[in-house]
Amino acid sequence: MIPTEFVSRIAILGSGAWGTALALVAADAGHDVLMWAREDLVVREINQHHANPYLANVTLPDRITATTSMDACADCPVIVVAIPTQFIRPTLGPNIDILNGAILVDVSKGIEQGTHLRVSEILDDLGAKPSAYVVLSGPSHAEEVGRRIPTTVVAASSDARAADLVQDIFNTDVFRVYTSGDVVGVEICGAMKNVIAIAAGMIDGLGMGDNTKAALVTRGLAEIARFGCAMGAEKATFYGLAGLGDLVVTCDSKHSRNRFVGEQLGRGRALEEVLGNMSAVAEGVPTTKAVMEIASERAIELPISTKVYQIMFEGLDPRTALYELMTRPVRCE
C-alpha cells in the first residue's frame, strides 16, 4: 500500500459539485488534484479562473487543475469516481484500463438500473482491476464542504490499509474521516437514502409537519436496514454516518436534489417536468426502480419505497399514498 506522503497526485473523474468539493478537501490536505471533466468550459474555468460553475462561489486553489483527457489520469495512484451511477458504465467502460493498479475511491451513490449492481459491482463487471476499492460516503452536501463547514464521513473497504490511506488523504481540521469494513452497507446506505429523501420531500410538498417527517425518517431507516441486511450488510452500519447521518441531512436539507424532487411531486408537479428543469442528477429516481425490482425478487417488504415508486411511475396521488401508509395494519415496532 502506498504511504500517504508518496501520493503525488489524486485524480477525480467527474466535475460536478461533489467531485469539486472533494478536490478542495484533498488540496487543503496538501495533495495535487487533477479533475477530469467532459466539458471544455468547465476545464477552462478551473484552470484559468479557479472556479467551477457546478460549485458556485468557491475559489479553488492552484493545486487543482482539470483536463478533458481521461488518459491523463492514468498515472495517478488514487482515482476518485464521482460520476453519477447510471453514467458510470458508458463513461468508464471504454476507459476502464486507467483504473488498473490504482486505489479506487467511489463517491457515487446509487444502484444501476437493469443490472441491479452497486457501484463496486459495476466497476468489477467492467473489468476494473484496482489495487484496492474504497467507498467514501456520509452526510456531506458539496455546498457546505465547499464552504469548509465541519463535516464527517466514512471510508469503507475490505482492505483496512486502503481505508486508512483514504482517511489520511482526505482528513482535515474541517473534514473528518472514519473507517469501516462494510462496503456493502455503506453503498446501500448511499443509494437508498435518496429514495427515502424523495418521500421526505413529498412530506414537505404536502405541507405536513415535523411529526410526519420524523416518522418518515425513522421508519425509512428501518426500511433501509432491512433491505441492506438482506443484501449482506452489517446492521450497525445503518445507525452510523453512512446510514442515519446521511439520511437525516438528505431528508431535511435545502441542498438535497432528491428531497427537492419529492417536494415538487408533493405539490402536484409531474416527474418528467421536475426532472426536465434540473441541471443536476437526482440519483434516487432510477435507484427507486432498481430497489423495487430487487425487493420484488427477494420478497423484501419496503412500504415507503413502494409508495415512492407508485407515485413517480404509476400516478398514485401523494395524499392517497400517505393515507395508505398510515392505515396499514398496526404492528410491533
C-alpha atoms as a PDB file:
ATOM      1  CA  MET A   1       0.000   0.000   0.000  1.00  0.00           C
ATOM      2  CA  ILE A   2       1.271   3.494  -0.887  1.00  0.00           C
ATOM      3  CA  PRO A   3       2.144   5.686   2.145  1.00  0.00           C
ATOM      4  CA  THR A   4       0.130   8.912   2.177  1.00  0.00           C
ATOM      5  CA  GLU A   5       3.236  11.071   1.793  1.00  0.00           C
ATOM      6  CA  PHE A   6       4.003   9.362  -1.540  1.00  0.00           C
ATOM      7  CA  VAL A   7       0.584  10.081  -3.080  1.00  0.00           C
ATOM      8  CA  SER A   8       1.819  12.675  -5.557  1.00  0.00           C
ATOM      9  CA  ARG A   9      -1.452  13.379  -7.316  1.00  0.00           C
ATOM     10  CA  ILE A  10      -5.098  12.409  -6.991  1.00  0.00           C
ATOM     11  CA  ALA A  11      -7.420  12.142  -9.981  1.00  0.00           C
ATOM     12  CA  ILE A  12     -11.132  12.872  -9.695  1.00  0.00           C
ATOM     13  CA  LEU A  13     -13.304  11.588 -12.528  1.00  0.00           C
ATOM     14  CA  GLY A  14     -16.299  13.881 -12.635  1.00  0.00           C
ATOM     15  CA  SER A  15     -16.500  17.645 -12.262  1.00  0.00           C
ATOM     16  CA  GLY A  16     -19.870  18.055 -10.569  1.00  0.00           C
ATOM     17  CA  ALA A  17     -20.363  19.765  -7.229  1.00  0.00           C
ATOM     18  CA  TRP A  18     -19.348  16.764  -5.096  1.00  0.00           C
ATOM     19  CA  GLY A  19     -16.262  15.907  -7.105  1.00  0.00           C
ATOM     20  CA  THR A  20     -15.188  19.547  -6.932  1.00  0.00           C
ATOM     21  CA  ALA A  21     -15.793  19.745  -3.189  1.00  0.00           C
ATOM     22  CA  LEU A  22     -13.646  16.642  -2.641  1.00  0.00           C
ATOM     23  CA  ALA A  23     -10.932  18.144  -4.827  1.00  0.00           C
ATOM     24  CA  LEU A  24     -10.929  21.141  -2.498  1.00  0.00           C
ATOM     25  CA  VAL A  25     -10.672  18.871   0.566  1.00  0.00           C
ATOM     26  CA  ALA A  26      -7.754  16.924  -0.916  1.00  0.00           C
ATOM     27  CA  ALA A  27      -5.985  20.148  -1.904  1.00  0.00           C
ATOM     28  CA  ASP A  28      -6.480  21.539   1.615  1.00  0.00           C
ATOM     29  CA  ALA A  29      -4.891  18.329   2.908  1.00  0.00           C
ATOM     30  CA  GLY A  30      -1.798  19.054   0.805  1.00  0.00           C
ATOM     31  CA  HIS A  31      -2.369  16.980  -2.339  1.00  0.00           C
ATOM     32  CA  ASP A  32      -2.287  17.955  -6.010  1.00  0.00           C
ATOM     33  CA  VAL A  33      -5.575  17.133  -7.755  1.00  0.00           C
ATOM     34  CA  LEU A  34      -6.310  16.517 -11.430  1.00  0.00           C
ATOM     35  CA  MET A  35     -10.009  16.670 -12.282  1.00  0.00           C
ATOM     36  CA  TRP A  36     -11.457  15.058 -15.388  1.00  0.00           C
ATOM     37  CA  ALA A  37     -14.382  16.940 -16.937  1.00  0.00           C
ATOM     38  CA  ARG A  38     -16.396  16.241 -20.056  1.00  0.00           C
ATOM     39  CA  GLU A  39     -16.999  19.931 -20.810  1.00  0.00           C
ATOM     40  CA  ASP A  40     -14.286  22.233 -22.189  1.00  0.00           C
ATOM     41  CA  LEU A  41     -15.939  25.192 -20.472  1.00  0.00           C
ATOM     42  CA  VAL A  42     -15.572  23.610 -17.042  1.00  0.00           C
ATOM     43  CA  VAL A  43     -11.906  22.791 -17.680  1.00  0.00           C
ATOM     44  CA  ARG A  44     -11.204  26.387 -18.737  1.00  0.00           C
ATOM     45  CA  GLU A  45     -12.978  27.789 -15.696  1.00  0.00           C
ATOM     46  CA  ILE A  46     -10.999  25.570 -13.332  1.00  0.00           C
ATOM     47  CA  ASN A  47      -7.625  26.136 -14.983  1.00  0.00           C
ATOM     48  CA  GLN A  48      -7.957  29.835 -15.783  1.00  0.00           C
ATOM     49  CA  HIS A  49     -10.298  31.204 -13.118  1.00  0.00           C
ATOM     50  CA  HIS A  50     -10.016  28.650 -10.282  1.00  0.00           C
ATOM     51  CA  ALA A  51     -13.761  28.198 -10.260  1.00  0.00           C
ATOM     52  CA  ASN A  52     -16.368  25.638 -11.285  1.00  0.00           C
ATOM     53  CA  PRO A  53     -19.926  26.681 -12.187  1.00  0.00           C
ATOM     54  CA  TYR A  54     -21.220  23.453 -10.617  1.00  0.00           C
ATOM     55  CA  LEU A  55     -19.980  24.627  -7.198  1.00  0.00           C
ATOM     56  CA  ALA A  56     -20.691  28.336  -7.174  1.00  0.00           C
ATOM     57  CA  ASN A  57     -18.937  30.950  -5.039  1.00  0.00           C
ATOM     58  CA  VAL A  58     -15.972  28.703  -4.223  1.00  0.00           C
ATOM     59  CA  THR A  59     -12.403  29.658  -5.144  1.00  0.00           C
ATOM     60  CA  LEU A  60     -10.289  26.622  -5.974  1.00  0.00           C
ATOM     61  CA  PRO A  61      -6.596  26.561  -5.003  1.00  0.00           C
ATOM     62  CA  ASP A  62      -3.759  26.324  -7.538  1.00  0.00           C
ATOM     63  CA  ARG A  63      -3.256  22.659  -6.591  1.00  0.00           C
ATOM     64  CA  ILE A  64      -6.432  21.793  -8.544  1.00  0.00           C
ATOM     65  CA  THR A  65      -6.194  21.527 -12.327  1.00  0.00           C
ATOM     66  CA  ALA A  66      -8.538  20.000 -14.903  1.00  0.00           C
ATOM     67  CA  THR A  67      -8.428  18.085 -18.186  1.00  0.00           C
ATOM     68  CA  THR A  68     -10.810  16.569 -20.728  1.00  0.00           C
ATOM     69  CA  SER A  69      -8.359  13.698 -21.286  1.00  0.00           C
ATOM     70  CA  MET A  70      -9.154  10.686 -19.137  1.00  0.00           C
ATOM     71  CA  ASP A  71      -5.837   9.132 -20.160  1.00  0.00           C
ATOM     72  CA  ALA A  72      -4.082  11.960 -18.316  1.00  0.00           C
ATOM     73  CA  CYS A  73      -5.458  10.494 -15.073  1.00  0.00           C
ATOM     74  CA  ALA A  74      -3.972   7.044 -15.654  1.00  0.00           C
ATOM     75  CA  ASP A  75      -0.729   7.642 -13.751  1.00  0.00           C
ATOM     76  CA  CYS A  76      -2.447   8.874 -10.577  1.00  0.00           C
ATOM     77  CA  PRO A  77      -2.088   6.385  -7.691  1.00  0.00           C
ATOM     78  CA  VAL A  78      -5.500   7.337  -6.264  1.00  0.00           C
ATOM     79  CA  ILE A  79      -8.525   7.791  -8.528  1.00  0.00           C
ATOM     80  CA  VAL A  80     -11.887   9.052  -7.284  1.00  0.00           C
ATOM     81  CA  VAL A  81     -15.026   8.105  -9.227  1.00  0.00           C
ATOM     82  CA  ALA A  82     -17.514  10.969  -8.907  1.00  0.00           C
ATOM     83  CA  ILE A  83     -19.669  10.133 -11.936  1.00  0.00           C
ATOM     84  CA  PRO A  84     -23.440   9.628 -11.460  1.00  0.00           C
ATOM     85  CA  THR A  85     -24.124   5.915 -11.096  1.00  0.00           C
ATOM     86  CA  GLN A  86     -26.250   5.499 -14.213  1.00  0.00           C
ATOM     87  CA  PHE A  87     -23.453   7.047 -16.341  1.00  0.00           C
ATOM     88  CA  ILE A  88     -20.518   5.068 -14.952  1.00  0.00           C
ATOM     89  CA  ARG A  89     -20.804   2.207 -17.447  1.00  0.00           C
ATOM     90  CA  PRO A  90     -20.912   4.295 -20.663  1.00  0.00           C
ATOM     91  CA  THR A  91     -18.317   6.762 -19.373  1.00  0.00           C
ATOM     92  CA  LEU A  92     -15.740   4.410 -17.869  1.00  0.00           C
ATOM     93  CA  GLY A  93     -16.374   1.296 -19.965  1.00  0.00           C
ATOM     94  CA  PRO A  94     -14.172   2.424 -22.885  1.00  0.00           C
ATOM     95  CA  ASN A  95     -11.531   3.747 -20.456  1.00  0.00           C
ATOM     96  CA  ILE A  96     -11.607   1.098 -17.748  1.00  0.00           C
ATOM     97  CA  ASP A  97      -7.879   0.308 -18.018  1.00  0.00           C
ATOM     98  CA  ILE A  98      -6.935   3.646 -16.451  1.00  0.00           C
ATOM     99  CA  LEU A  99      -8.215   2.286 -13.115  1.00  0.00           C
ATOM    100  CA  ASN A 100      -5.882  -0.704 -13.121  1.00  0.00           C
ATOM    101  CA  GLY A 101      -3.472  -0.683 -10.197  1.00  0.00           C
ATOM    102  CA  ALA A 102      -4.895   2.467  -8.637  1.00  0.00           C
ATOM    103  CA  ILE A 103      -6.569   2.811  -5.275  1.00  0.00           C
ATOM    104  CA  LEU A 104     -10.132   3.441  -6.375  1.00  0.00           C
ATOM    105  CA  VAL A 105     -12.370   5.708  -4.284  1.00  0.00           C
ATOM    106  CA  ASP A 106     -16.085   5.618  -5.100  1.00  0.00           C
ATOM    107  CA  VAL A 107     -18.199   8.622  -4.087  1.00  0.00           C
ATOM    108  CA  SER A 108     -21.137   7.890  -6.409  1.00  0.00           C
ATOM    109  CA  LYS A 109     -24.416   6.811  -4.812  1.00  0.00           C
ATOM    110  CA  GLY A 110     -26.959   4.556  -6.441  1.00  0.00           C
ATOM    111  CA  ILE A 111     -27.874   1.187  -7.903  1.00  0.00           C
ATOM    112  CA  GLU A 112     -27.677   0.614 -11.650  1.00  0.00           C
ATOM    113  CA  GLN A 113     -30.954   0.108 -13.475  1.00  0.00           C
ATOM    114  CA  GLY A 114     -31.325  -3.194 -15.287  1.00  0.00           C
ATOM    115  CA  THR A 115     -28.330  -4.915 -13.715  1.00  0.00           C
ATOM    116  CA  HIS A 116     -29.177  -4.042 -10.076  1.00  0.00           C
ATOM    117  CA  LEU A 117     -25.455  -3.640  -9.406  1.00  0.00           C
ATOM    118  CA  ARG A 118     -23.861  -1.425  -6.766  1.00  0.00           C
ATOM    119  CA  VAL A 119     -21.004   0.819  -7.948  1.00  0.00           C
ATOM    120  CA  SER A 120     -18.276  -1.612  -6.835  1.00  0.00           C
ATOM    121  CA  GLU A 121     -20.061  -4.351  -8.768  1.00  0.00           C
ATOM    122  CA  ILE A 122     -20.445  -2.179 -11.876  1.00  0.00           C
ATOM    123  CA  LEU A 123     -16.722  -1.491 -11.924  1.00  0.00           C
ATOM    124  CA  ASP A 124     -15.931  -5.161 -11.383  1.00  0.00           C
ATOM    125  CA  ASP A 125     -18.326  -6.074 -14.189  1.00  0.00           C
ATOM    126  CA  LEU A 126     -16.498  -3.642 -16.482  1.00  0.00           C
ATOM    127  CA  GLY A 127     -13.220  -5.406 -15.723  1.00  0.00           C
ATOM    128  CA  ALA A 128     -11.595  -2.795 -13.479  1.00  0.00           C
ATOM    129  CA  LYS A 129      -8.526  -4.103 -11.639  1.00  0.00           C
ATOM    130  CA  PRO A 130      -7.718  -1.531  -8.950  1.00  0.00           C
ATOM    131  CA  SER A 131      -5.241  -2.346  -6.199  1.00  0.00           C
ATOM    132  CA  ALA A 132      -7.994  -1.603  -3.660  1.00  0.00           C
ATOM    133  CA  TYR A 133     -11.563  -0.302  -3.576  1.00  0.00           C
ATOM    134  CA  VAL A 134     -12.859   2.226  -1.053  1.00  0.00           C
ATOM    135  CA  VAL A 135     -16.320   3.805  -0.832  1.00  0.00           C
ATOM    136  CA  LEU A 136     -16.486   7.269   0.749  1.00  0.00           C
ATOM    137  CA  SER A 137     -19.909   8.365   1.970  1.00  0.00           C
ATOM    138  CA  GLY A 138     -21.780  10.190   4.704  1.00  0.00           C
ATOM    139  CA  PRO A 139     -23.685  13.418   5.463  1.00  0.00           C
ATOM    140  CA  SER A 140     -21.755  15.773   3.211  1.00  0.00           C
ATOM    141  CA  HIS A 141     -23.507  18.267   0.959  1.00  0.00           C
ATOM    142  CA  ALA A 142     -20.993  19.670  -1.522  1.00  0.00           C
ATOM    143  CA  GLU A 143     -22.215  23.227  -0.969  1.00  0.00           C
ATOM    144  CA  GLU A 144     -21.239  23.056   2.706  1.00  0.00           C
ATOM    145  CA  VAL A 145     -17.985  21.147   2.172  1.00  0.00           C
ATOM    146  CA  GLY A 146     -17.023  23.846  -0.349  1.00  0.00           C
ATOM    147  CA  ARG A 147     -17.532  26.465   2.379  1.00  0.00           C
ATOM    148  CA  ARG A 148     -15.368  24.378   4.729  1.00  0.00           C
ATOM    149  CA  ILE A 149     -18.208  23.749   7.158  1.00  0.00           C
ATOM    150  CA  PRO A 150     -17.229  20.883   9.540  1.00  0.00           C
ATOM    151  CA  THR A 151     -18.242  17.534   8.010  1.00  0.00           C
ATOM    152  CA  THR A 152     -17.749  13.872   8.891  1.00  0.00           C
ATOM    153  CA  VAL A 153     -17.828  10.882   6.521  1.00  0.00           C
ATOM    154  CA  VAL A 154     -16.825   7.215   6.464  1.00  0.00           C
ATOM    155  CA  ALA A 155     -14.338   5.392   4.200  1.00  0.00           C
ATOM    156  CA  ALA A 156     -15.222   1.697   3.836  1.00  0.00           C
ATOM    157  CA  SER A 157     -13.068  -1.024   2.316  1.00  0.00           C
ATOM    158  CA  SER A 158     -12.407  -4.730   2.680  1.00  0.00           C
ATOM    159  CA  ASP A 159      -8.738  -3.678   2.759  1.00  0.00           C
ATOM    160  CA  ALA A 160      -8.197  -1.864   6.070  1.00  0.00           C
ATOM    161  CA  ARG A 161      -4.933  -0.340   4.819  1.00  0.00           C
ATOM    162  CA  ALA A 162      -6.734   1.235   1.862  1.00  0.00           C
ATOM    163  CA  ALA A 163      -9.426   2.674   4.132  1.00  0.00           C
ATOM    164  CA  ASP A 164      -6.700   4.095   6.377  1.00  0.00           C
ATOM    165  CA  LEU A 165      -4.931   5.643   3.389  1.00  0.00           C
ATOM    166  CA  VAL A 166      -8.098   7.344   2.136  1.00  0.00           C
ATOM    167  CA  GLN A 167      -8.752   8.521   5.682  1.00  0.00           C
ATOM    168  CA  ASP A 168      -5.311  10.142   5.761  1.00  0.00           C
ATOM    169  CA  ILE A 169      -5.681  11.681   2.290  1.00  0.00           C
ATOM    170  CA  PHE A 170      -8.974  13.453   2.957  1.00  0.00           C
ATOM    171  CA  ASN A 171      -8.843  14.120   6.693  1.00  0.00           C
ATOM    172  CA  THR A 172      -8.514  17.830   7.596  1.00  0.00           C
ATOM    173  CA  ASP A 173      -9.466  20.053  10.508  1.00  0.00           C
ATOM    174  CA  VAL A 174     -12.943  20.542   8.965  1.00  0.00           C
ATOM    175  CA  PHE A 175     -13.406  17.214   7.153  1.00  0.00           C
ATOM    176  CA  ARG A 176     -13.165  14.218   9.481  1.00  0.00           C
ATOM    177  CA  VAL A 177     -12.999  10.689   8.043  1.00  0.00           C
ATOM    178  CA  TYR A 178     -13.820   7.493   9.937  1.00  0.00           C
ATOM    179  CA  THR A 179     -13.170   3.984   8.576  1.00  0.00           C
ATOM    180  CA  SER A 180     -15.296   0.865   8.159  1.00  0.00           C
ATOM    181  CA  GLY A 181     -15.024  -2.589   6.646  1.00  0.00           C
ATOM    182  CA  ASP A 182     -18.648  -2.767   5.442  1.00  0.00           C
ATOM    183  CA  VAL A 183     -18.550  -1.841   1.751  1.00  0.00           C
ATOM    184  CA  VAL A 184     -21.978  -3.345   1.022  1.00  0.00           C
ATOM    185  CA  GLY A 185     -23.653  -1.479   3.862  1.00  0.00           C
ATOM    186  CA  VAL A 186     -22.129   1.902   3.038  1.00  0.00           C
ATOM    187  CA  GLU A 187     -23.038   1.534  -0.657  1.00  0.00           C
ATOM    188  CA  ILE A 188     -26.619   0.524   0.197  1.00  0.00           C
ATOM    189  CA  CYS A 189     -26.971   3.456   2.591  1.00  0.00           C
ATOM    190  CA  GLY A 190     -25.793   5.908  -0.060  1.00  0.00           C
ATOM    191  CA  ALA A 191     -28.240   4.528  -2.600  1.00  0.00           C
ATOM    192  CA  MET A 192     -31.374   4.043  -0.532  1.00  0.00           C
ATOM    193  CA  LYS A 193     -31.245   7.236   1.487  1.00  0.00           C
ATOM    194  CA  ASN A 194     -32.071   9.053  -1.752  1.00  0.00           C
ATOM    195  CA  VAL A 195     -35.275   7.039  -2.139  1.00  0.00           C
ATOM    196  CA  ILE A 196     -36.394   7.960   1.366  1.00  0.00           C
ATOM    197  CA  ALA A 197     -35.356  11.577   0.759  1.00  0.00           C
ATOM    198  CA  ILE A 198     -37.808  11.746  -2.143  1.00  0.00           C
ATOM    199  CA  ALA A 199     -40.519  10.634   0.273  1.00  0.00           C
ATOM    200  CA  ALA A 200     -39.375  13.273   2.782  1.00  0.00           C
ATOM    201  CA  GLY A 201     -39.678  15.924   0.097  1.00  0.00           C
ATOM    202  CA  MET A 202     -43.210  14.781  -0.605  1.00  0.00           C
ATOM    203  CA  ILE A 203     -43.998  15.324   3.088  1.00  0.00           C
ATOM    204  CA  ASP A 204     -42.740  18.897   2.716  1.00  0.00           C
ATOM    205  CA  GLY A 205     -44.626  19.427  -0.528  1.00  0.00           C
ATOM    206  CA  LEU A 206     -47.862  18.256   1.077  1.00  0.00           C
ATOM    207  CA  GLY A 207     -47.387  20.755   3.894  1.00  0.00           C
ATOM    208  CA  MET A 208     -47.085  18.178   6.661  1.00  0.00           C
ATOM    209  CA  GLY A 209     -45.178  18.842   9.872  1.00  0.00           C
ATOM    210  CA  ASP A 210     -42.241  17.746  11.983  1.00  0.00           C
ATOM    211  CA  ASN A 211     -44.111  14.755  13.412  1.00  0.00           C
ATOM    212  CA  THR A 212     -44.673  13.343   9.937  1.00  0.00           C
ATOM    213  CA  LYS A 213     -41.082  13.965   8.837  1.00  0.00           C
ATOM    214  CA  ALA A 214     -39.681  12.335  11.986  1.00  0.00           C
ATOM    215  CA  ALA A 215     -41.862   9.271  11.464  1.00  0.00           C
ATOM    216  CA  LEU A 216     -40.797   9.056   7.829  1.00  0.00           C
ATOM    217  CA  VAL A 217     -37.072   9.274   8.621  1.00  0.00           C
ATOM    218  CA  THR A 218     -37.324   6.727  11.451  1.00  0.00           C
ATOM    219  CA  ARG A 219     -39.337   4.158   9.550  1.00  0.00           C
ATOM    220  CA  GLY A 220     -37.307   4.894   6.422  1.00  0.00           C
ATOM    221  CA  LEU A 221     -34.132   3.998   8.280  1.00  0.00           C
ATOM    222  CA  ALA A 222     -35.700   0.708   9.378  1.00  0.00           C
ATOM    223  CA  GLU A 223     -36.559   0.039   5.743  1.00  0.00           C
ATOM    224  CA  ILE A 224     -33.014   0.781   4.549  1.00  0.00           C
ATOM    225  CA  ALA A 225     -31.574  -1.510   7.228  1.00  0.00           C
ATOM    226  CA  ARG A 226     -33.998  -4.309   6.328  1.00  0.00           C
ATOM    227  CA  PHE A 227     -33.037  -4.049   2.658  1.00  0.00           C
ATOM    228  CA  GLY A 228     -29.308  -3.751   3.371  1.00  0.00           C
ATOM    229  CA  CYS A 229     -29.145  -6.679   5.770  1.00  0.00           C
ATOM    230  CA  ALA A 230     -30.915  -8.813   3.167  1.00  0.00           C
ATOM    231  CA  MET A 231     -28.101  -7.860   0.789  1.00  0.00           C
ATOM    232  CA  GLY A 232     -25.399  -8.900   3.248  1.00  0.00           C
ATOM    233  CA  ALA A 233     -24.628  -5.627   5.047  1.00  0.00           C
ATOM    234  CA  GLU A 234     -23.832  -5.202   8.738  1.00  0.00           C
ATOM    235  CA  LYS A 235     -26.772  -3.784  10.710  1.00  0.00           C
ATOM    236  CA  ALA A 236     -24.615  -1.384  12.755  1.00  0.00           C
ATOM    237  CA  THR A 237     -23.649   0.497   9.570  1.00  0.00           C
ATOM    238  CA  PHE A 238     -27.175   1.821   9.187  1.00  0.00           C
ATOM    239  CA  TYR A 239     -27.007   3.658  12.513  1.00  0.00           C
ATOM    240  CA  GLY A 240     -23.757   5.442  11.702  1.00  0.00           C
ATOM    241  CA  LEU A 241     -22.661   8.282   9.419  1.00  0.00           C
ATOM    242  CA  ALA A 242     -23.387   6.483   6.137  1.00  0.00           C
ATOM    243  CA  GLY A 243     -26.856   5.472   7.309  1.00  0.00           C
ATOM    244  CA  LEU A 244     -28.610   7.669   9.870  1.00  0.00           C
ATOM    245  CA  GLY A 245     -26.284  10.615   9.326  1.00  0.00           C
ATOM    246  CA  ASP A 246     -26.683  10.806   5.566  1.00  0.00           C
ATOM    247  CA  LEU A 247     -30.402  10.048   5.750  1.00  0.00           C
ATOM    248  CA  VAL A 248     -31.095  12.928   8.144  1.00  0.00           C
ATOM    249  CA  VAL A 249     -29.181  15.509   6.131  1.00  0.00           C
ATOM    250  CA  THR A 250     -30.621  14.369   2.787  1.00  0.00           C
ATOM    251  CA  CYS A 251     -34.204  14.338   4.041  1.00  0.00           C
ATOM    252  CA  ASP A 252     -34.091  17.803   5.580  1.00  0.00           C
ATOM    253  CA  SER A 253     -31.720  19.961   3.556  1.00  0.00           C
ATOM    254  CA  LYS A 254     -32.364  22.673   1.005  1.00  0.00           C
ATOM    255  CA  HIS A 255     -29.311  21.326  -0.853  1.00  0.00           C
ATOM    256  CA  SER A 256     -30.817  17.853  -1.404  1.00  0.00           C
ATOM    257  CA  ARG A 257     -31.757  17.251  -5.034  1.00  0.00           C
ATOM    258  CA  ASN A 258     -33.777  14.175  -4.145  1.00  0.00           C
ATOM    259  CA  ARG A 259     -35.734  15.956  -1.423  1.00  0.00           C
ATOM    260  CA  PHE A 260     -36.428  18.715  -3.955  1.00  0.00           C
ATOM    261  CA  VAL A 261     -37.824  16.190  -6.450  1.00  0.00           C
ATOM    262  CA  GLY A 262     -40.153  14.803  -3.795  1.00  0.00           C
ATOM    263  CA  GLU A 263     -41.248  18.273  -2.722  1.00  0.00           C
ATOM    264  CA  GLN A 264     -42.251  19.150  -6.271  1.00  0.00           C
ATOM    265  CA  LEU A 265     -44.141  15.863  -6.640  1.00  0.00           C
ATOM    266  CA  GLY A 266     -45.940  16.587  -3.369  1.00  0.00           C
ATOM    267  CA  ARG A 267     -47.042  19.908  -4.831  1.00  0.00           C
ATOM    268  CA  GLY A 268     -48.601  18.134  -7.789  1.00  0.00           C
ATOM    269  CA  ARG A 269     -45.954  18.527 -10.494  1.00  0.00           C
ATOM    270  CA  ALA A 270     -45.251  15.659 -12.883  1.00  0.00           C
ATOM    271  CA  LEU A 271     -41.949  13.801 -12.565  1.00  0.00           C
ATOM    272  CA  GLU A 272     -40.946  14.487 -16.170  1.00  0.00           C
ATOM    273  CA  GLU A 273     -41.474  18.219 -15.665  1.00  0.00           C
ATOM    274  CA  VAL A 274     -39.446  18.268 -12.449  1.00  0.00           C
ATOM    275  CA  LEU A 275     -36.500  16.355 -13.897  1.00  0.00           C
ATOM    276  CA  GLY A 276     -36.606  18.337 -17.126  1.00  0.00           C
ATOM    277  CA  ASN A 277     -35.937  21.559 -15.238  1.00  0.00           C
ATOM    278  CA  MET A 278     -32.998  20.208 -13.214  1.00  0.00           C
ATOM    279  CA  SER A 279     -29.361  20.540 -14.272  1.00  0.00           C
ATOM    280  CA  ALA A 280     -28.117  18.079 -11.621  1.00  0.00           C
ATOM    281  CA  VAL A 281     -28.872  14.363 -11.345  1.00  0.00           C
ATOM    282  CA  ALA A 282     -31.339  13.063  -8.739  1.00  0.00           C
ATOM    283  CA  GLU A 283     -29.940   9.562  -8.200  1.00  0.00           C
ATOM    284  CA  GLY A 284     -32.952   8.453  -6.164  1.00  0.00           C
ATOM    285  CA  VAL A 285     -35.257   8.311  -9.189  1.00  0.00           C
ATOM    286  CA  PRO A 286     -33.552   5.466 -11.108  1.00  0.00           C
ATOM    287  CA  THR A 287     -32.438   3.867  -7.840  1.00  0.00           C
ATOM    288  CA  THR A 288     -36.074   3.561  -6.753  1.00  0.00           C
ATOM    289  CA  LYS A 289     -36.763   1.389  -9.784  1.00  0.00           C
ATOM    290  CA  ALA A 290     -33.765  -0.838  -9.121  1.00  0.00           C
ATOM    291  CA  VAL A 291     -34.545  -1.166  -5.404  1.00  0.00           C
ATOM    292  CA  MET A 292     -38.144  -2.172  -6.018  1.00  0.00           C
ATOM    293  CA  GLU A 293     -37.121  -4.773  -8.601  1.00  0.00           C
ATOM    294  CA  ILE A 294     -34.642  -6.277  -6.130  1.00  0.00           C
ATOM    295  CA  ALA A 295     -37.222  -6.168  -3.331  1.00  0.00           C
ATOM    296  CA  SER A 296     -39.728  -7.976  -5.525  1.00  0.00           C
ATOM    297  CA  GLU A 297     -37.211 -10.687  -6.418  1.00  0.00           C
ATOM    298  CA  ARG A 298     -36.154 -11.214  -2.785  1.00  0.00           C
ATOM    299  CA  ALA A 299     -39.523 -10.633  -1.090  1.00  0.00           C
ATOM    300  CA  ILE A 300     -38.239  -7.689   0.985  1.00  0.00           C
ATOM    301  CA  GLU A 301     -41.004  -5.552   2.483  1.00  0.00           C
ATOM    302  CA  LEU A 302     -40.441  -1.849   1.662  1.00  0.00           C
ATOM    303  CA  PRO A 303     -43.704   0.064   2.267  1.00  0.00           C
ATOM    304  CA  ILE A 304     -42.293   3.590   1.899  1.00  0.00           C
ATOM    305  CA  SER A 305     -40.175   2.825  -1.158  1.00  0.00           C
ATOM    306  CA  THR A 306     -43.161   1.110  -2.731  1.00  0.00           C
ATOM    307  CA  LYS A 307     -45.266   4.257  -2.380  1.00  0.00           C
ATOM    308  CA  VAL A 308     -42.445   6.417  -3.772  1.00  0.00           C
ATOM    309  CA  TYR A 309     -42.297   4.126  -6.807  1.00  0.00           C
ATOM    310  CA  GLN A 310     -46.082   4.175  -7.268  1.00  0.00           C
ATOM    311  CA  ILE A 311     -46.215   7.969  -7.061  1.00  0.00           C
ATOM    312  CA  MET A 312     -43.373   8.508  -9.543  1.00  0.00           C
ATOM    313  CA  PHE A 313     -44.149   5.784 -12.060  1.00  0.00           C
ATOM    314  CA  GLU A 314     -47.770   4.701 -11.593  1.00  0.00           C
ATOM    315  CA  GLY A 315     -49.522   8.003 -10.953  1.00  0.00           C
ATOM    316  CA  LEU A 316     -50.544   7.388  -7.329  1.00  0.00           C
ATOM    317  CA  ASP A 317     -51.605  10.605  -5.580  1.00  0.00           C
ATOM    318  CA  PRO A 318     -49.193  11.506  -2.728  1.00  0.00           C
ATOM    319  CA  ARG A 319     -52.028  12.133  -0.250  1.00  0.00           C
ATOM    320  CA  THR A 320     -53.512   8.749  -1.047  1.00  0.00           C
ATOM    321  CA  ALA A 321     -50.085   7.161  -0.565  1.00  0.00           C
ATOM    322  CA  LEU A 322     -49.740   8.806   2.862  1.00  0.00           C
ATOM    323  CA  TYR A 323     -53.202   7.617   3.879  1.00  0.00           C
ATOM    324  CA  GLU A 324     -52.411   4.075   2.775  1.00  0.00           C
ATOM    325  CA  LEU A 325     -49.190   4.071   4.802  1.00  0.00           C
ATOM    326  CA  MET A 326     -50.927   5.413   7.897  1.00  0.00           C
ATOM    327  CA  THR A 327     -53.729   2.841   7.714  1.00  0.00           C
ATOM    328  CA  ARG A 328     -51.582  -0.251   7.248  1.00  0.00           C
ATOM    329  CA  PRO A 329     -52.237  -2.982   9.863  1.00  0.00           C
ATOM    330  CA  VAL A 330     -50.661  -1.971  13.169  1.00  0.00           C
ATOM    331  CA  ARG A 331     -47.683  -3.958  14.429  1.00  0.00           C
ATOM    332  CA  CYS A 332     -44.876  -4.028  16.987  1.00  0.00           C
ATOM    333  CA  GLU A 333     -42.040  -1.613  16.234  1.00  0.00           C
END
